[in-house]
Amino acid sequence: MTSEGRGLHARLLACLGPEITSGEYPPGTVLRTDALERRFDVSRTVVREAVRVLESMRLVASRRRVGVTVRPTEEWNVFDPQVIRWRLAGSDRPRQLRSLTMLRSAVEPVAAGLAARLATPRQCAELTEHALGMVATSRGQQLDAYLVHDVAFHRVVLRASGNEMFAKLGDVVAEVLAGRTEHHVMFTDPDPAAVTLHVQVAEAVRTRDEDRAERLTREITTGAMAELDVLAP
């Protein structure tokens, strides 16, 4: 596909993906490829490429003589970062944030405990580096800079757990944190107590204190849920 074709394909996805995930096209809706060609003024090849991407996310199923059918929500690949991004951009954002934060609450404390047992010296150093980076950017409305360190910190925790399943959730956690920042579901400056907890988690992992690392991380995720009650009721 040419660069122009890729641009058209991306434009089609940027419109159609959020329309599906927001419920504008509810499950069972049939999308005709010829209608999509006319609506977006693109070729059949561009439509097919976009549909293949949506199929890979399990948002739609394509059948001959039927068309492109929107799948039931429970069949979607809800861990796909792009699907998360689209859902967080929609009206169902508060519920999505809670669902994703519950997932974090179930996984990240356990991952932190494992990290305290298994993290390499380099991973311990990375956690300390990013925790201090969070401290340095936690004042003066530097949320974008803070986000970089926040995402990196949680990726390291998940990776340092030694569990490849946990590690693969790094992209999910990154989308949750980025979505909160992008959609202003954050305080102007991060909660100082939460920032301090990240520093303490890094210390607990470095000193091999598994119970403390797990407990402190649970406090982080509990605090994140409490913030949602205020910022995204």
C-alpha atoms as a PDB file:
ATOM      1  CA  MET A   1       0.000   0.000   0.000  1.00  0.00           C
ATOM      2  CA  THR A   2       1.289   3.480  -0.881  1.00  0.00           C
ATOM      3  CA  SER A   3       1.851   6.156   1.767  1.00  0.00           C
ATOM      4  CA  GLU A   4      -1.325   7.849   0.528  1.00  0.00           C
ATOM      5  CA  GLY A   5      -3.215   4.580   0.891  1.00  0.00           C
ATOM      6  CA  ARG A   6      -1.877   4.131   4.422  1.00  0.00           C
ATOM      7  CA  GLY A   7      -3.070   7.641   5.263  1.00  0.00           C
ATOM      8  CA  LEU A   8      -6.574   6.907   3.962  1.00  0.00           C
ATOM      9  CA  HIS A   9      -6.591   3.573   5.784  1.00  0.00           C
ATOM     10  CA  ALA A  10      -5.605   5.325   9.041  1.00  0.00           C
ATOM     11  CA  ARG A  11      -8.294   7.983   8.549  1.00  0.00           C
ATOM     12  CA  LEU A  12     -10.958   5.342   8.013  1.00  0.00           C
ATOM     13  CA  LEU A  13      -9.864   3.450  11.128  1.00  0.00           C
ATOM     14  CA  ALA A  14      -9.744   6.642  13.198  1.00  0.00           C
ATOM     15  CA  CYS A  15     -13.423   7.227  12.403  1.00  0.00           C
ATOM     16  CA  LEU A  16     -14.829   3.724  12.259  1.00  0.00           C
ATOM     17  CA  GLY A  17     -13.033   2.251  15.278  1.00  0.00           C
ATOM     18  CA  PRO A  18     -14.383   4.781  17.808  1.00  0.00           C
ATOM     19  CA  GLU A  19     -17.844   4.582  16.226  1.00  0.00           C
ATOM     20  CA  ILE A  20     -17.912   0.846  16.862  1.00  0.00           C
ATOM     21  CA  THR A  21     -16.470   0.956  20.376  1.00  0.00           C
ATOM     22  CA  SER A  22     -18.779   3.816  21.413  1.00  0.00           C
ATOM     23  CA  GLY A  23     -21.852   1.830  20.392  1.00  0.00           C
ATOM     24  CA  GLU A  24     -22.802   4.061  17.481  1.00  0.00           C
ATOM     25  CA  TYR A  25     -22.738   0.818  15.508  1.00  0.00           C
ATOM     26  CA  PRO A  26     -24.061  -1.722  18.037  1.00  0.00           C
ATOM     27  CA  PRO A  27     -23.264  -5.442  17.882  1.00  0.00           C
ATOM     28  CA  GLY A  28     -24.975  -7.101  14.945  1.00  0.00           C
ATOM     29  CA  THR A  29     -24.813  -4.007  12.742  1.00  0.00           C
ATOM     30  CA  VAL A  30     -23.815  -4.863   9.181  1.00  0.00           C
ATOM     31  CA  LEU A  31     -21.411  -2.431   7.511  1.00  0.00           C
ATOM     32  CA  ARG A  32     -21.456  -2.655   3.728  1.00  0.00           C
ATOM     33  CA  THR A  33     -18.080  -2.222   2.106  1.00  0.00           C
ATOM     34  CA  ASP A  34     -19.552  -0.311  -0.830  1.00  0.00           C
ATOM     35  CA  ALA A  35     -21.174   2.134   1.576  1.00  0.00           C
ATOM     36  CA  LEU A  36     -17.859   2.615   3.391  1.00  0.00           C
ATOM     37  CA  GLU A  37     -16.139   3.258   0.062  1.00  0.00           C
ATOM     38  CA  ARG A  38     -18.644   6.009  -0.731  1.00  0.00           C
ATOM     39  CA  ARG A  39     -18.672   7.528   2.733  1.00  0.00           C
ATOM     40  CA  PHE A  40     -14.894   7.831   3.026  1.00  0.00           C
ATOM     41  CA  ASP A  41     -14.237   8.258  -0.701  1.00  0.00           C
ATOM     42  CA  VAL A  42     -11.666   5.455  -0.705  1.00  0.00           C
ATOM     43  CA  SER A  43     -10.962   2.366  -2.755  1.00  0.00           C
ATOM     44  CA  ARG A  44     -12.116  -1.143  -1.945  1.00  0.00           C
ATOM     45  CA  THR A  45      -8.489  -2.031  -1.143  1.00  0.00           C
ATOM     46  CA  VAL A  46      -8.327   0.642   1.552  1.00  0.00           C
ATOM     47  CA  VAL A  47     -11.614  -0.554   3.070  1.00  0.00           C
ATOM     48  CA  ARG A  48     -10.418  -4.155   3.065  1.00  0.00           C
ATOM     49  CA  GLU A  49      -7.167  -3.239   4.806  1.00  0.00           C
ATOM     50  CA  ALA A  50      -9.054  -1.307   7.488  1.00  0.00           C
ATOM     51  CA  VAL A  51     -11.498  -4.176   7.959  1.00  0.00           C
ATOM     52  CA  ARG A  52      -8.585  -6.604   8.404  1.00  0.00           C
ATOM     53  CA  VAL A  53      -7.279  -4.454  11.250  1.00  0.00           C
ATOM     54  CA  LEU A  54     -10.726  -4.339  12.879  1.00  0.00           C
ATOM     55  CA  GLU A  55     -10.992  -8.114  12.457  1.00  0.00           C
ATOM     56  CA  SER A  56      -7.624  -8.571  14.179  1.00  0.00           C
ATOM     57  CA  MET A  57      -9.082  -6.658  17.134  1.00  0.00           C
ATOM     58  CA  ARG A  58     -12.161  -8.909  16.937  1.00  0.00           C
ATOM     59  CA  LEU A  59     -14.409  -5.865  16.641  1.00  0.00           C
ATOM     60  CA  VAL A  60     -15.956  -7.131  13.413  1.00  0.00           C
ATOM     61  CA  ALA A  61     -16.390 -10.317  11.416  1.00  0.00           C
ATOM     62  CA  SER A  62     -16.389 -10.294   7.626  1.00  0.00           C
ATOM     63  CA  ARG A  63     -18.536 -12.794   5.731  1.00  0.00           C
ATOM     64  CA  ARG A  64     -19.189 -13.141   2.027  1.00  0.00           C
ATOM     65  CA  ARG A  65     -22.667 -12.095   0.923  1.00  0.00           C
ATOM     66  CA  VAL A  66     -23.295 -10.623   4.372  1.00  0.00           C
ATOM     67  CA  GLY A  67     -20.790  -7.844   4.812  1.00  0.00           C
ATOM     68  CA  VAL A  68     -18.856  -6.675   7.825  1.00  0.00           C
ATOM     69  CA  THR A  69     -20.739  -7.411  11.054  1.00  0.00           C
ATOM     70  CA  VAL A  70     -19.967  -5.783  14.403  1.00  0.00           C
ATOM     71  CA  ARG A  71     -19.174  -8.493  16.947  1.00  0.00           C
ATOM     72  CA  PRO A  72     -20.685  -8.696  20.462  1.00  0.00           C
ATOM     73  CA  THR A  73     -18.687  -6.651  22.978  1.00  0.00           C
ATOM     74  CA  GLU A  74     -17.639  -9.754  24.923  1.00  0.00           C
ATOM     75  CA  GLU A  75     -15.779 -11.006  21.833  1.00  0.00           C
ATOM     76  CA  TRP A  76     -13.653  -7.869  21.410  1.00  0.00           C
ATOM     77  CA  ASN A  77      -9.947  -7.953  22.163  1.00  0.00           C
ATOM     78  CA  VAL A  78     -10.316  -5.513  25.046  1.00  0.00           C
ATOM     79  CA  PHE A  79      -6.578  -5.748  25.809  1.00  0.00           C
ATOM     80  CA  ASP A  80      -5.625  -4.286  22.429  1.00  0.00           C
ATOM     81  CA  PRO A  81      -4.063  -0.857  23.162  1.00  0.00           C
ATOM     82  CA  GLN A  82      -5.912   0.777  20.264  1.00  0.00           C
ATOM     83  CA  VAL A  83      -9.258  -0.616  21.433  1.00  0.00           C
ATOM     84  CA  ILE A  84      -8.536   0.712  24.932  1.00  0.00           C
ATOM     85  CA  ARG A  85      -7.666   4.127  23.456  1.00  0.00           C
ATOM     86  CA  TRP A  86     -10.885   4.259  21.443  1.00  0.00           C
ATOM     87  CA  ARG A  87     -13.033   3.174  24.385  1.00  0.00           C
ATOM     88  CA  LEU A  88     -11.443   5.739  26.690  1.00  0.00           C
ATOM     89  CA  ALA A  89     -12.221   8.437  24.126  1.00  0.00           C
ATOM     90  CA  GLY A  90     -15.938   7.607  24.270  1.00  0.00           C
ATOM     91  CA  SER A  91     -18.800   8.350  26.613  1.00  0.00           C
ATOM     92  CA  ASP A  92     -18.226   5.115  28.551  1.00  0.00           C
ATOM     93  CA  ARG A  93     -14.863   6.399  29.811  1.00  0.00           C
ATOM     94  CA  PRO A  94     -15.639   6.317  33.579  1.00  0.00           C
ATOM     95  CA  ARG A  95     -16.687   2.669  33.488  1.00  0.00           C
ATOM     96  CA  GLN A  96     -13.722   1.733  31.320  1.00  0.00           C
ATOM     97  CA  LEU A  97     -11.288   3.438  33.663  1.00  0.00           C
ATOM     98  CA  ARG A  98     -12.749   1.561  36.614  1.00  0.00           C
ATOM     99  CA  SER A  99     -12.606  -1.759  34.802  1.00  0.00           C
ATOM    100  CA  LEU A 100      -8.985  -1.225  33.829  1.00  0.00           C
ATOM    101  CA  THR A 101      -8.035   0.016  37.301  1.00  0.00           C
ATOM    102  CA  MET A 102      -9.592  -3.123  38.801  1.00  0.00           C
ATOM    103  CA  LEU A 103      -7.354  -5.145  36.496  1.00  0.00           C
ATOM    104  CA  ARG A 104      -4.354  -3.181  37.714  1.00  0.00           C
ATOM    105  CA  SER A 105      -5.407  -3.768  41.325  1.00  0.00           C
ATOM    106  CA  ALA A 106      -5.501  -7.510  40.739  1.00  0.00           C
ATOM    107  CA  VAL A 107      -2.161  -7.759  38.939  1.00  0.00           C
ATOM    108  CA  GLU A 108       0.265  -5.002  39.897  1.00  0.00           C
ATOM    109  CA  PRO A 109       0.572  -5.670  43.655  1.00  0.00           C
ATOM    110  CA  VAL A 110       1.402  -9.333  42.965  1.00  0.00           C
ATOM    111  CA  ALA A 111       3.843  -8.264  40.247  1.00  0.00           C
ATOM    112  CA  ALA A 112       5.565  -5.873  42.664  1.00  0.00           C
ATOM    113  CA  GLY A 113       5.976  -8.631  45.234  1.00  0.00           C
ATOM    114  CA  LEU A 114       7.532 -10.876  42.619  1.00  0.00           C
ATOM    115  CA  ALA A 115       9.747  -8.023  41.441  1.00  0.00           C
ATOM    116  CA  ALA A 116      11.092  -7.635  44.967  1.00  0.00           C
ATOM    117  CA  ARG A 117      12.232 -11.248  44.737  1.00  0.00           C
ATOM    118  CA  LEU A 118      13.381 -11.384  41.115  1.00  0.00           C
ATOM    119  CA  ALA A 119      14.327  -7.907  39.845  1.00  0.00           C
ATOM    120  CA  THR A 120      17.833  -7.527  38.472  1.00  0.00           C
ATOM    121  CA  PRO A 121      20.115  -4.762  39.791  1.00  0.00           C
ATOM    122  CA  ARG A 122      19.514  -2.871  36.552  1.00  0.00           C
ATOM    123  CA  GLN A 123      15.734  -3.107  36.966  1.00  0.00           C
ATOM    124  CA  CYS A 124      16.038  -1.886  40.554  1.00  0.00           C
ATOM    125  CA  ALA A 125      18.054   1.073  39.298  1.00  0.00           C
ATOM    126  CA  GLU A 126      15.463   1.810  36.611  1.00  0.00           C
ATOM    127  CA  LEU A 127      12.664   1.801  39.187  1.00  0.00           C
ATOM    128  CA  THR A 128      14.574   4.255  41.366  1.00  0.00           C
ATOM    129  CA  GLU A 129      15.369   6.445  38.364  1.00  0.00           C
ATOM    130  CA  HIS A 130      11.745   6.667  37.264  1.00  0.00           C
ATOM    131  CA  ALA A 131      10.424   7.123  40.799  1.00  0.00           C
ATOM    132  CA  LEU A 132      12.768  10.079  41.246  1.00  0.00           C
ATOM    133  CA  GLY A 133      11.720  11.337  37.820  1.00  0.00           C
ATOM    134  CA  MET A 134       8.114  11.281  39.029  1.00  0.00           C
ATOM    135  CA  VAL A 135       9.130  13.332  42.070  1.00  0.00           C
ATOM    136  CA  ALA A 136      10.954  15.852  39.882  1.00  0.00           C
ATOM    137  CA  THR A 137       7.974  16.335  37.536  1.00  0.00           C
ATOM    138  CA  SER A 138       5.160  16.154  40.098  1.00  0.00           C
ATOM    139  CA  ARG A 139       4.910  19.918  40.561  1.00  0.00           C
ATOM    140  CA  GLY A 140       4.342  22.780  38.167  1.00  0.00           C
ATOM    141  CA  GLN A 141       1.728  21.100  35.975  1.00  0.00           C
ATOM    142  CA  GLN A 142       4.215  18.855  34.157  1.00  0.00           C
ATOM    143  CA  LEU A 143       1.762  16.024  33.604  1.00  0.00           C
ATOM    144  CA  ASP A 144       3.168  14.961  30.216  1.00  0.00           C
ATOM    145  CA  ALA A 145       6.690  14.649  31.615  1.00  0.00           C
ATOM    146  CA  TYR A 146       5.340  12.927  34.717  1.00  0.00           C
ATOM    147  CA  LEU A 147       3.461  10.447  32.531  1.00  0.00           C
ATOM    148  CA  VAL A 148       6.682   9.313  30.827  1.00  0.00           C
ATOM    149  CA  HIS A 149       8.201   8.273  34.162  1.00  0.00           C
ATOM    150  CA  ASP A 150       4.926   6.870  35.521  1.00  0.00           C
ATOM    151  CA  VAL A 151       4.432   4.579  32.513  1.00  0.00           C
ATOM    152  CA  ALA A 152       8.079   3.492  32.548  1.00  0.00           C
ATOM    153  CA  PHE A 153       7.932   2.732  36.289  1.00  0.00           C
ATOM    154  CA  HIS A 154       4.938   0.428  35.954  1.00  0.00           C
ATOM    155  CA  ARG A 155       6.361  -1.287  32.869  1.00  0.00           C
ATOM    156  CA  VAL A 156       9.517  -2.122  34.825  1.00  0.00           C
ATOM    157  CA  VAL A 157       7.502  -3.514  37.755  1.00  0.00           C
ATOM    158  CA  LEU A 158       5.523  -5.799  35.456  1.00  0.00           C
ATOM    159  CA  ARG A 159       8.606  -6.892  33.532  1.00  0.00           C
ATOM    160  CA  ALA A 160      10.662  -7.430  36.703  1.00  0.00           C
ATOM    161  CA  SER A 161       8.007  -9.820  38.041  1.00  0.00           C
ATOM    162  CA  GLY A 162       9.498 -12.474  35.771  1.00  0.00           C
ATOM    163  CA  ASN A 163       5.999 -13.383  34.569  1.00  0.00           C
ATOM    164  CA  GLU A 164       5.605 -12.927  30.821  1.00  0.00           C
ATOM    165  CA  MET A 165       1.819 -12.585  31.158  1.00  0.00           C
ATOM    166  CA  PHE A 166       2.200  -9.694  33.585  1.00  0.00           C
ATOM    167  CA  ALA A 167       4.863  -8.124  31.389  1.00  0.00           C
ATOM    168  CA  LYS A 168       2.495  -8.121  28.389  1.00  0.00           C
ATOM    169  CA  LEU A 169       0.066  -5.970  30.382  1.00  0.00           C
ATOM    170  CA  GLY A 170       2.553  -3.102  30.217  1.00  0.00           C
ATOM    171  CA  ASP A 171       0.820  -1.685  27.152  1.00  0.00           C
ATOM    172  CA  VAL A 172      -2.574  -1.905  28.885  1.00  0.00           C
ATOM    173  CA  VAL A 173      -1.322  -0.011  31.936  1.00  0.00           C
ATOM    174  CA  ALA A 174       0.366   2.536  29.668  1.00  0.00           C
ATOM    175  CA  GLU A 175      -2.931   3.221  27.884  1.00  0.00           C
ATOM    176  CA  VAL A 176      -4.780   3.644  31.193  1.00  0.00           C
ATOM    177  CA  LEU A 177      -2.242   6.153  32.486  1.00  0.00           C
ATOM    178  CA  ALA A 178      -2.034   7.981  29.159  1.00  0.00           C
ATOM    179  CA  GLY A 179      -5.829   8.061  28.841  1.00  0.00           C
ATOM    180  CA  ARG A 180      -6.226   9.600  32.286  1.00  0.00           C
ATOM    181  CA  THR A 181      -3.768  12.337  31.341  1.00  0.00           C
ATOM    182  CA  GLU A 182      -5.162  12.952  27.846  1.00  0.00           C
ATOM    183  CA  HIS A 183      -8.771  13.139  29.023  1.00  0.00           C
ATOM    184  CA  HIS A 184      -7.985  15.229  32.114  1.00  0.00           C
ATOM    185  CA  VAL A 185      -8.859  12.546  34.644  1.00  0.00           C
ATOM    186  CA  MET A 186      -5.885  13.652  36.731  1.00  0.00           C
ATOM    187  CA  PHE A 187      -5.375  16.406  39.263  1.00  0.00           C
ATOM    188  CA  THR A 188      -3.375  19.383  37.987  1.00  0.00           C
ATOM    189  CA  ASP A 189      -0.449  17.999  39.949  1.00  0.00           C
ATOM    190  CA  PRO A 190      -0.256  14.331  41.011  1.00  0.00           C
ATOM    191  CA  ASP A 191      -1.162  13.401  44.577  1.00  0.00           C
ATOM    192  CA  PRO A 192       2.041  13.779  46.663  1.00  0.00           C
ATOM    193  CA  ALA A 193       1.157  10.664  48.662  1.00  0.00           C
ATOM    194  CA  ALA A 194       0.946   8.588  45.468  1.00  0.00           C
ATOM    195  CA  VAL A 195       4.299   9.922  44.287  1.00  0.00           C
ATOM    196  CA  THR A 196       5.877   9.007  47.618  1.00  0.00           C
ATOM    197  CA  LEU A 197       4.407   5.509  47.386  1.00  0.00           C
ATOM    198  CA  HIS A 198       6.197   4.956  44.063  1.00  0.00           C
ATOM    199  CA  VAL A 199       9.506   5.921  45.675  1.00  0.00           C
ATOM    200  CA  GLN A 200       8.782   3.511  48.539  1.00  0.00           C
ATOM    201  CA  VAL A 201       7.909   0.692  46.138  1.00  0.00           C
ATOM    202  CA  ALA A 202      11.236   1.193  44.355  1.00  0.00           C
ATOM    203  CA  GLU A 203      12.988   0.992  47.728  1.00  0.00           C
ATOM    204  CA  ALA A 204      11.048  -2.137  48.748  1.00  0.00           C
ATOM    205  CA  VAL A 205      11.972  -3.871  45.485  1.00  0.00           C
ATOM    206  CA  ARG A 206      15.628  -2.880  45.871  1.00  0.00           C
ATOM    207  CA  THR A 207      15.757  -4.195  49.477  1.00  0.00           C
ATOM    208  CA  ARG A 208      13.917  -7.437  48.507  1.00  0.00           C
ATOM    209  CA  ASP A 209      10.959  -6.725  50.804  1.00  0.00           C
ATOM    210  CA  GLU A 210       8.243  -8.644  48.962  1.00  0.00           C
ATOM    211  CA  ASP A 211       5.388  -8.032  51.417  1.00  0.00           C
ATOM    212  CA  ARG A 212       6.054  -4.294  51.591  1.00  0.00           C
ATOM    213  CA  ALA A 213       6.334  -3.955  47.807  1.00  0.00           C
ATOM    214  CA  GLU A 214       2.999  -5.711  47.356  1.00  0.00           C
ATOM    215  CA  ARG A 215       1.269  -3.724  50.106  1.00  0.00           C
ATOM    216  CA  LEU A 216       2.518  -0.356  48.869  1.00  0.00           C
ATOM    217  CA  THR A 217       1.525  -1.111  45.282  1.00  0.00           C
ATOM    218  CA  ARG A 218      -1.934  -2.080  46.482  1.00  0.00           C
ATOM    219  CA  GLU A 219      -2.132   1.342  48.123  1.00  0.00           C
ATOM    220  CA  ILE A 220      -1.247   2.936  44.761  1.00  0.00           C
ATOM    221  CA  THR A 221      -4.024   1.133  42.892  1.00  0.00           C
ATOM    222  CA  THR A 222      -6.534   1.754  45.701  1.00  0.00           C
ATOM    223  CA  GLY A 223      -5.652   5.443  45.553  1.00  0.00           C
ATOM    224  CA  ALA A 224      -6.074   5.457  41.782  1.00  0.00           C
ATOM    225  CA  MET A 225      -9.588   4.071  42.163  1.00  0.00           C
ATOM    226  CA  ALA A 226     -10.406   6.673  44.823  1.00  0.00           C
ATOM    227  CA  GLU A 227      -9.252   9.438  42.449  1.00  0.00           C
ATOM    228  CA  LEU A 228     -11.666   8.152  39.817  1.00  0.00           C
ATOM    229  CA  ASP A 229     -14.540   8.538  42.278  1.00  0.00           C
ATOM    230  CA  VAL A 230     -13.690  12.242  42.420  1.00  0.00           C
ATOM    231  CA  LEU A 231     -12.580  12.963  38.847  1.00  0.00           C
ATOM    232  CA  ALA A 232     -14.743  10.538  36.827  1.00  0.00           C
ATOM    233  CA  PRO A 233     -17.863   9.837  38.884  1.00  0.00           C
END
